[in-house]
Amino acid sequence: MNKIQHPSNNDVLGAPAGWDQGELPCSALPITRAKFGDMEAVVSYWRPSQEELAVLNAGGSVELAILGRTMPPVMLSVDQQ
């Protein structure tokens, strides 16, 4: 998946403090700071490559990996832009 710039983006996240770029590179991520009801959220937008689209269309699935030992509350959805 390729991160993309979305019209709603209003901030950028960088690598966490102390991140070892040599071990695992972490580039800037355009984000939208938003609210879902009273809950604050950080939204990023991703577009699958043609190869990934082919896998998805053939029945493949989307994988969400969180680095660390727990899974924070997350949400996956589709955006029309």
PDB file of N, CA and C in Angstrom:
ATOM      1  N   MET A   1       0.854  -1.179   0.000  1.00  0.00           N
ATOM      2  CA  MET A   1       0.000   0.000   0.000  1.00  0.00           C
ATOM      3  C   MET A   1       0.893   1.234   0.000  1.00  0.00           C
ATOM      4  N   ASN A   2       0.413   2.249  -0.648  1.00  0.00           N
ATOM      5  CA  ASN A   2       1.157   3.497  -0.734  1.00  0.00           C
ATOM      6  C   ASN A   2       0.414   4.588   0.014  1.00  0.00           C
ATOM      7  N   LYS A   3       1.112   5.216   0.953  1.00  0.00           N
ATOM      8  CA  LYS A   3       0.482   6.346   1.643  1.00  0.00           C
ATOM      9  C   LYS A   3       0.253   7.440   0.625  1.00  0.00           C
ATOM     10  N   ILE A   4      -0.844   8.169   0.791  1.00  0.00           N
ATOM     11  CA  ILE A   4      -1.159   9.244  -0.156  1.00  0.00           C
ATOM     12  C   ILE A   4      -1.513  10.515   0.586  1.00  0.00           C
ATOM     13  N   GLN A   5      -1.370  11.624  -0.108  1.00  0.00           N
ATOM     14  CA  GLN A   5      -1.829  12.913   0.394  1.00  0.00           C
ATOM     15  C   GLN A   5      -3.329  12.989   0.116  1.00  0.00           C
ATOM     16  N   HIS A   6      -4.118  13.314   1.128  1.00  0.00           N
ATOM     17  CA  HIS A   6      -5.574  13.410   1.013  1.00  0.00           C
ATOM     18  C   HIS A   6      -5.972  14.873   1.208  1.00  0.00           C
ATOM     19  N   PRO A   7      -7.034  15.331   0.563  1.00  0.00           N
ATOM     20  CA  PRO A   7      -7.439  16.732   0.721  1.00  0.00           C
ATOM     21  C   PRO A   7      -7.697  17.146   2.171  1.00  0.00           C
ATOM     22  N   SER A   8      -8.043  16.209   3.026  1.00  0.00           N
ATOM     23  CA  SER A   8      -8.333  16.557   4.423  1.00  0.00           C
ATOM     24  C   SER A   8      -7.086  16.608   5.299  1.00  0.00           C
ATOM     25  N   ASN A   9      -5.916  16.186   4.797  1.00  0.00           N
ATOM     26  CA  ASN A   9      -4.710  16.156   5.640  1.00  0.00           C
ATOM     27  C   ASN A   9      -4.412  17.525   6.212  1.00  0.00           C
ATOM     28  N   ASN A  10      -4.137  17.543   7.521  1.00  0.00           N
ATOM     29  CA  ASN A  10      -3.862  18.797   8.207  1.00  0.00           C
ATOM     30  C   ASN A  10      -2.652  18.713   9.139  1.00  0.00           C
ATOM     31  N   ASP A  11      -1.875  17.613   9.043  1.00  0.00           N
ATOM     32  CA  ASP A  11      -0.701  17.459   9.891  1.00  0.00           C
ATOM     33  C   ASP A  11       0.177  16.354   9.292  1.00  0.00           C
ATOM     34  N   VAL A  12       1.355  16.190   9.856  1.00  0.00           N
ATOM     35  CA  VAL A  12       2.282  15.146   9.428  1.00  0.00           C
ATOM     36  C   VAL A  12       2.877  14.507  10.673  1.00  0.00           C
ATOM     37  N   LEU A  13       2.926  13.174  10.687  1.00  0.00           N
ATOM     38  CA  LEU A  13       3.598  12.455  11.766  1.00  0.00           C
ATOM     39  C   LEU A  13       4.980  12.045  11.302  1.00  0.00           C
ATOM     40  N   GLY A  14       5.953  12.227  12.165  1.00  0.00           N
ATOM     41  CA  GLY A  14       7.301  11.744  11.900  1.00  0.00           C
ATOM     42  C   GLY A  14       7.549  10.476  12.696  1.00  0.00           C
ATOM     43  N   ALA A  15       8.751   9.974  12.621  1.00  0.00           N
ATOM     44  CA  ALA A  15       9.111   8.784  13.389  1.00  0.00           C
ATOM     45  C   ALA A  15       9.036   9.099  14.884  1.00  0.00           C
ATOM     46  N   PRO A  16       8.687   8.111  15.705  1.00  0.00           N
ATOM     47  CA  PRO A  16       8.670   8.332  17.156  1.00  0.00           C
ATOM     48  C   PRO A  16      10.052   8.719  17.676  1.00  0.00           C
ATOM     49  N   ALA A  17      10.092   9.439  18.788  1.00  0.00           N
ATOM     50  CA  ALA A  17      11.360   9.820  19.409  1.00  0.00           C
ATOM     51  C   ALA A  17      12.192   8.572  19.693  1.00  0.00           C
ATOM     52  N   GLY A  18      13.464   8.638  19.352  1.00  0.00           N
ATOM     53  CA  GLY A  18      14.360   7.524  19.607  1.00  0.00           C
ATOM     54  C   GLY A  18      14.285   6.397  18.588  1.00  0.00           C
ATOM     55  N   TRP A  19      13.505   6.566  17.527  1.00  0.00           N
ATOM     56  CA  TRP A  19      13.336   5.524  16.516  1.00  0.00           C
ATOM     57  C   TRP A  19      14.663   5.260  15.805  1.00  0.00           C
ATOM     58  N   ASP A  20      15.009   3.998  15.623  1.00  0.00           N
ATOM     59  CA  ASP A  20      16.246   3.609  14.944  1.00  0.00           C
ATOM     60  C   ASP A  20      15.971   3.443  13.450  1.00  0.00           C
ATOM     61  N   GLN A  21      16.252   4.496  12.685  1.00  0.00           N
ATOM     62  CA  GLN A  21      16.010   4.471  11.245  1.00  0.00           C
ATOM     63  C   GLN A  21      16.858   3.405  10.539  1.00  0.00           C
ATOM     64  N   GLY A  22      18.002   3.060  11.121  1.00  0.00           N
ATOM     65  CA  GLY A  22      18.847   2.036  10.537  1.00  0.00           C
ATOM     66  C   GLY A  22      18.242   0.649  10.651  1.00  0.00           C
ATOM     67  N   GLU A  23      17.507   0.412  11.726  1.00  0.00           N
ATOM     68  CA  GLU A  23      16.880  -0.899  11.925  1.00  0.00           C
ATOM     69  C   GLU A  23      15.620  -1.052  11.090  1.00  0.00           C
ATOM     70  N   LEU A  24      14.787  -0.023  11.092  1.00  0.00           N
ATOM     71  CA  LEU A  24      13.540  -0.047  10.324  1.00  0.00           C
ATOM     72  C   LEU A  24      13.187   1.389   9.947  1.00  0.00           C
ATOM     73  N   PRO A  25      13.367   1.776   8.680  1.00  0.00           N
ATOM     74  CA  PRO A  25      13.074   3.154   8.279  1.00  0.00           C
ATOM     75  C   PRO A  25      11.605   3.525   8.530  1.00  0.00           C
ATOM     76  N   CYS A  26      11.400   4.750   8.954  1.00  0.00           N
ATOM     77  CA  CYS A  26      10.052   5.267   9.224  1.00  0.00           C
ATOM     78  C   CYS A  26       9.994   6.678   8.658  1.00  0.00           C
ATOM     79  N   SER A  27       9.261   6.854   7.553  1.00  0.00           N
ATOM     80  CA  SER A  27       9.192   8.161   6.909  1.00  0.00           C
ATOM     81  C   SER A  27       7.974   8.943   7.396  1.00  0.00           C
ATOM     82  N   ALA A  28       7.925  10.204   7.022  1.00  0.00           N
ATOM     83  CA  ALA A  28       6.817  11.080   7.413  1.00  0.00           C
ATOM     84  C   ALA A  28       5.500  10.568   6.831  1.00  0.00           C
ATOM     85  N   LEU A  29       4.438  10.721   7.614  1.00  0.00           N
ATOM     86  CA  LEU A  29       3.114  10.247   7.213  1.00  0.00           C
ATOM     87  C   LEU A  29       2.118  11.398   7.263  1.00  0.00           C
ATOM     88  N   PRO A  30       1.544  11.801   6.108  1.00  0.00           N
ATOM     89  CA  PRO A  30       0.510  12.830   6.137  1.00  0.00           C
ATOM     90  C   PRO A  30      -0.736  12.270   6.821  1.00  0.00           C
ATOM     91  N   ILE A  31      -1.312  13.067   7.720  1.00  0.00           N
ATOM     92  CA  ILE A  31      -2.479  12.613   8.488  1.00  0.00           C
ATOM     93  C   ILE A  31      -3.544  13.694   8.547  1.00  0.00           C
ATOM     94  N   THR A  32      -4.712  13.266   8.946  1.00  0.00           N
ATOM     95  CA  THR A  32      -5.806  14.178   9.265  1.00  0.00           C
ATOM     96  C   THR A  32      -6.147  13.985  10.730  1.00  0.00           C
ATOM     97  N   ARG A  33      -6.044  15.033  11.497  1.00  0.00           N
ATOM     98  CA  ARG A  33      -6.509  14.992  12.891  1.00  0.00           C
ATOM     99  C   ARG A  33      -8.003  15.251  12.834  1.00  0.00           C
ATOM    100  N   ALA A  34      -8.773  14.313  13.373  1.00  0.00           N
ATOM    101  CA  ALA A  34     -10.237  14.372  13.257  1.00  0.00           C
ATOM    102  C   ALA A  34     -10.872  13.954  14.571  1.00  0.00           C
ATOM    103  N   LYS A  35     -12.181  14.021  14.597  1.00  0.00           N
ATOM    104  CA  LYS A  35     -12.956  13.535  15.739  1.00  0.00           C
ATOM    105  C   LYS A  35     -14.073  12.649  15.225  1.00  0.00           C
ATOM    106  N   PHE A  36     -14.298  11.561  15.912  1.00  0.00           N
ATOM    107  CA  PHE A  36     -15.442  10.688  15.695  1.00  0.00           C
ATOM    108  C   PHE A  36     -16.272  10.810  16.959  1.00  0.00           C
ATOM    109  N   GLY A  37     -17.311  11.644  16.903  1.00  0.00           N
ATOM    110  CA  GLY A  37     -18.035  11.970  18.129  1.00  0.00           C
ATOM    111  C   GLY A  37     -17.107  12.762  19.025  1.00  0.00           C
ATOM    112  N   ASP A  38     -16.928  12.316  20.263  1.00  0.00           N
ATOM    113  CA  ASP A  38     -16.027  12.987  21.204  1.00  0.00           C
ATOM    114  C   ASP A  38     -14.619  12.388  21.188  1.00  0.00           C
ATOM    115  N   MET A  39     -14.398  11.379  20.352  1.00  0.00           N
ATOM    116  CA  MET A  39     -13.098  10.701  20.338  1.00  0.00           C
ATOM    117  C   MET A  39     -12.183  11.297  19.289  1.00  0.00           C
ATOM    118  N   GLU A  40     -10.988  11.689  19.721  1.00  0.00           N
ATOM    119  CA  GLU A  40      -9.998  12.184  18.781  1.00  0.00           C
ATOM    120  C   GLU A  40      -9.437  11.023  17.975  1.00  0.00           C
ATOM    121  N   ALA A  41      -9.076  11.306  16.729  1.00  0.00           N
ATOM    122  CA  ALA A  41      -8.548  10.259  15.860  1.00  0.00           C
ATOM    123  C   ALA A  41      -7.451  10.839  14.971  1.00  0.00           C
ATOM    124  N   VAL A  42      -6.587   9.961  14.522  1.00  0.00           N
ATOM    125  CA  VAL A  42      -5.563  10.282  13.533  1.00  0.00           C
ATOM    126  C   VAL A  42      -5.858   9.386  12.342  1.00  0.00           C
ATOM    127  N   VAL A  43      -6.073   9.989  11.165  1.00  0.00           N
ATOM    128  CA  VAL A  43      -6.458   9.236   9.973  1.00  0.00           C
ATOM    129  C   VAL A  43      -5.367   9.383   8.918  1.00  0.00           C
ATOM    130  N   SER A  44      -4.949   8.264   8.348  1.00  0.00           N
ATOM    131  CA  SER A  44      -4.036   8.294   7.207  1.00  0.00           C
ATOM    132  C   SER A  44      -4.719   7.575   6.048  1.00  0.00           C
ATOM    133  N   TYR A  45      -4.297   7.903   4.845  1.00  0.00           N
ATOM    134  CA  TYR A  45      -4.940   7.363   3.644  1.00  0.00           C
ATOM    135  C   TYR A  45      -3.915   6.594   2.821  1.00  0.00           C
ATOM    136  N   TRP A  46      -4.357   5.449   2.306  1.00  0.00           N
ATOM    137  CA  TRP A  46      -3.484   4.530   1.594  1.00  0.00           C
ATOM    138  C   TRP A  46      -4.159   4.050   0.324  1.00  0.00           C
ATOM    139  N   ARG A  47      -3.367   3.856  -0.713  1.00  0.00           N
ATOM    140  CA  ARG A  47      -3.903   3.360  -1.975  1.00  0.00           C
ATOM    141  C   ARG A  47      -3.128   2.100  -2.360  1.00  0.00           C
ATOM    142  N   PRO A  48      -3.854   0.988  -2.640  1.00  0.00           N
ATOM    143  CA  PRO A  48      -3.158  -0.230  -3.052  1.00  0.00           C
ATOM    144  C   PRO A  48      -2.554  -0.077  -4.452  1.00  0.00           C
ATOM    145  N   SER A  49      -1.428  -0.751  -4.655  1.00  0.00           N
ATOM    146  CA  SER A  49      -0.808  -0.789  -5.979  1.00  0.00           C
ATOM    147  C   SER A  49      -1.656  -1.673  -6.891  1.00  0.00           C
ATOM    148  N   GLN A  50      -1.352  -1.661  -8.170  1.00  0.00           N
ATOM    149  CA  GLN A  50      -2.066  -2.517  -9.119  1.00  0.00           C
ATOM    150  C   GLN A  50      -1.894  -3.991  -8.752  1.00  0.00           C
ATOM    151  N   GLU A  51      -0.700  -4.366  -8.302  1.00  0.00           N
ATOM    152  CA  GLU A  51      -0.453  -5.745  -7.890  1.00  0.00           C
ATOM    153  C   GLU A  51      -1.292  -6.119  -6.668  1.00  0.00           C
ATOM    154  N   GLU A  52      -1.362  -5.197  -5.703  1.00  0.00           N
ATOM    155  CA  GLU A  52      -2.168  -5.453  -4.502  1.00  0.00           C
ATOM    156  C   GLU A  52      -3.653  -5.517  -4.848  1.00  0.00           C
ATOM    157  N   LEU A  53      -4.104  -4.655  -5.762  1.00  0.00           N
ATOM    158  CA  LEU A  53      -5.498  -4.712  -6.196  1.00  0.00           C
ATOM    159  C   LEU A  53      -5.820  -6.067  -6.821  1.00  0.00           C
ATOM    160  N   ALA A  54      -4.894  -6.587  -7.609  1.00  0.00           N
ATOM    161  CA  ALA A  54      -5.104  -7.900  -8.223  1.00  0.00           C
ATOM    162  C   ALA A  54      -5.250  -8.975  -7.149  1.00  0.00           C
ATOM    163  N   VAL A  55      -4.411  -8.917  -6.121  1.00  0.00           N
ATOM    164  CA  VAL A  55      -4.505  -9.891  -5.020  1.00  0.00           C
ATOM    165  C   VAL A  55      -5.832  -9.740  -4.292  1.00  0.00           C
ATOM    166  N   LEU A  56      -6.235  -8.507  -4.005  1.00  0.00           N
ATOM    167  CA  LEU A  56      -7.513  -8.279  -3.319  1.00  0.00           C
ATOM    168  C   LEU A  56      -8.685  -8.776  -4.164  1.00  0.00           C
ATOM    169  N   ASN A  57      -8.657  -8.469  -5.456  1.00  0.00           N
ATOM    170  CA  ASN A  57      -9.733  -8.908  -6.346  1.00  0.00           C
ATOM    171  C   ASN A  57      -9.787 -10.423  -6.490  1.00  0.00           C
ATOM    172  N   ALA A  58      -8.666 -11.088  -6.226  1.00  0.00           N
ATOM    173  CA  ALA A  58      -8.626 -12.552  -6.301  1.00  0.00           C
ATOM    174  C   ALA A  58      -8.965 -13.194  -4.958  1.00  0.00           C
ATOM    175  N   GLY A  59      -9.412 -12.377  -4.001  1.00  0.00           N
ATOM    176  CA  GLY A  59      -9.825 -12.922  -2.706  1.00  0.00           C
ATOM    177  C   GLY A  59      -8.836 -12.713  -1.583  1.00  0.00           C
ATOM    178  N   GLY A  60      -7.726 -12.006  -1.850  1.00  0.00           N
ATOM    179  CA  GLY A  60      -6.757 -11.716  -0.796  1.00  0.00           C
ATOM    180  C   GLY A  60      -7.360 -10.803   0.264  1.00  0.00           C
ATOM    181  N   SER A  61      -6.642 -10.581   1.327  1.00  0.00           N
ATOM    182  CA  SER A  61      -7.156  -9.761   2.425  1.00  0.00           C
ATOM    183  C   SER A  61      -6.196  -8.623   2.747  1.00  0.00           C
ATOM    184  N   VAL A  62      -6.691  -7.663   3.513  1.00  0.00           N
ATOM    185  CA  VAL A  62      -5.888  -6.545   3.992  1.00  0.00           C
ATOM    186  C   VAL A  62      -5.320  -6.941   5.349  1.00  0.00           C
ATOM    187  N   GLU A  63      -4.030  -6.689   5.551  1.00  0.00           N
ATOM    188  CA  GLU A  63      -3.368  -7.017   6.807  1.00  0.00           C
ATOM    189  C   GLU A  63      -3.051  -5.715   7.530  1.00  0.00           C
ATOM    190  N   LEU A  64      -3.339  -5.653   8.820  1.00  0.00           N
ATOM    191  CA  LEU A  64      -2.985  -4.509   9.652  1.00  0.00           C
ATOM    192  C   LEU A  64      -1.989  -5.001  10.690  1.00  0.00           C
ATOM    193  N   ALA A  65      -0.787  -4.454  10.683  1.00  0.00           N
ATOM    194  CA  ALA A  65       0.234  -4.834  11.652  1.00  0.00           C
ATOM    195  C   ALA A  65       0.565  -3.626  12.522  1.00  0.00           C
ATOM    196  N   ILE A  66       0.559  -3.821  13.809  1.00  0.00           N
ATOM    197  CA  ILE A  66       0.918  -2.785  14.773  1.00  0.00           C
ATOM    198  C   ILE A  66       2.223  -3.216  15.432  1.00  0.00           C
ATOM    199  N   LEU A  67       3.234  -2.358  15.406  1.00  0.00           N
ATOM    200  CA  LEU A  67       4.490  -2.714  16.056  1.00  0.00           C
ATOM    201  C   LEU A  67       4.324  -2.595  17.560  1.00  0.00           C
ATOM    202  N   GLY A  68       4.798  -3.574  18.275  1.00  0.00           N
ATOM    203  CA  GLY A  68       4.673  -3.595  19.730  1.00  0.00           C
ATOM    204  C   GLY A  68       3.940  -4.844  20.179  1.00  0.00           C
ATOM    205  N   ARG A  69       3.436  -4.832  21.425  1.00  0.00           N
ATOM    206  CA  ARG A  69       2.855  -6.032  22.016  1.00  0.00           C
ATOM    207  C   ARG A  69       1.349  -5.963  22.218  1.00  0.00           C
ATOM    208  N   THR A  70       0.705  -4.913  21.710  1.00  0.00           N
ATOM    209  CA  THR A  70      -0.738  -4.804  21.896  1.00  0.00           C
ATOM    210  C   THR A  70      -1.375  -4.182  20.660  1.00  0.00           C
ATOM    211  N   MET A  71      -2.670  -4.246  20.582  1.00  0.00           N
ATOM    212  CA  MET A  71      -3.411  -3.674  19.451  1.00  0.00           C
ATOM    213  C   MET A  71      -4.267  -2.528  19.984  1.00  0.00           C
ATOM    214  N   PRO A  72      -3.926  -1.289  19.635  1.00  0.00           N
ATOM    215  CA  PRO A  72      -4.767  -0.171  20.049  1.00  0.00           C
ATOM    216  C   PRO A  72      -6.073  -0.194  19.260  1.00  0.00           C
ATOM    217  N   PRO A  73      -7.070   0.551  19.694  1.00  0.00           N
ATOM    218  CA  PRO A  73      -8.303   0.615  18.904  1.00  0.00           C
ATOM    219  C   PRO A  73      -7.991   1.188  17.515  1.00  0.00           C
ATOM    220  N   VAL A  74      -8.352   0.453  16.486  1.00  0.00           N
ATOM    221  CA  VAL A  74      -8.126   0.885  15.111  1.00  0.00           C
ATOM    222  C   VAL A  74      -9.403   0.698  14.305  1.00  0.00           C
ATOM    223  N   MET A  75      -9.430   1.339  13.128  1.00  0.00           N
ATOM    224  CA  MET A  75     -10.586   1.209  12.247  1.00  0.00           C
ATOM    225  C   MET A  75     -10.084   1.212  10.820  1.00  0.00           C
ATOM    226  N   LEU A  76     -10.573   0.294  10.008  1.00  0.00           N
ATOM    227  CA  LEU A  76     -10.277   0.278   8.578  1.00  0.00           C
ATOM    228  C   LEU A  76     -11.571   0.571   7.840  1.00  0.00           C
ATOM    229  N   SER A  77     -11.470   1.386   6.803  1.00  0.00           N
ATOM    230  CA  SER A  77     -12.651   1.682   5.993  1.00  0.00           C
ATOM    231  C   SER A  77     -12.194   2.041   4.582  1.00  0.00           C
ATOM    232  N   VAL A  78     -13.119   2.385   3.727  1.00  0.00           N
ATOM    233  CA  VAL A  78     -12.821   2.773   2.361  1.00  0.00           C
ATOM    234  C   VAL A  78     -13.235   4.223   2.171  1.00  0.00           C
ATOM    235  N   ASP A  79     -12.388   4.985   1.491  1.00  0.00           N
ATOM    236  CA  ASP A  79     -12.662   6.378   1.201  1.00  0.00           C
ATOM    237  C   ASP A  79     -12.793   6.533  -0.303  1.00  0.00           C
ATOM    238  N   GLN A  80     -13.713   7.343  -0.752  1.00  0.00           N
ATOM    239  CA  GLN A  80     -14.001   7.453  -2.190  1.00  0.00           C
ATOM    240  C   GLN A  80     -13.064   8.402  -2.923  1.00  0.00           C
ATOM    241  N   GLN A  81     -12.202   9.138  -2.221  1.00  0.00           N
ATOM    242  CA  GLN A  81     -11.304  10.085  -2.911  1.00  0.00           C
ATOM    243  C   GLN A  81      -9.976   9.458  -3.205  1.00  0.00           C
TER     244      GLN A  81
END
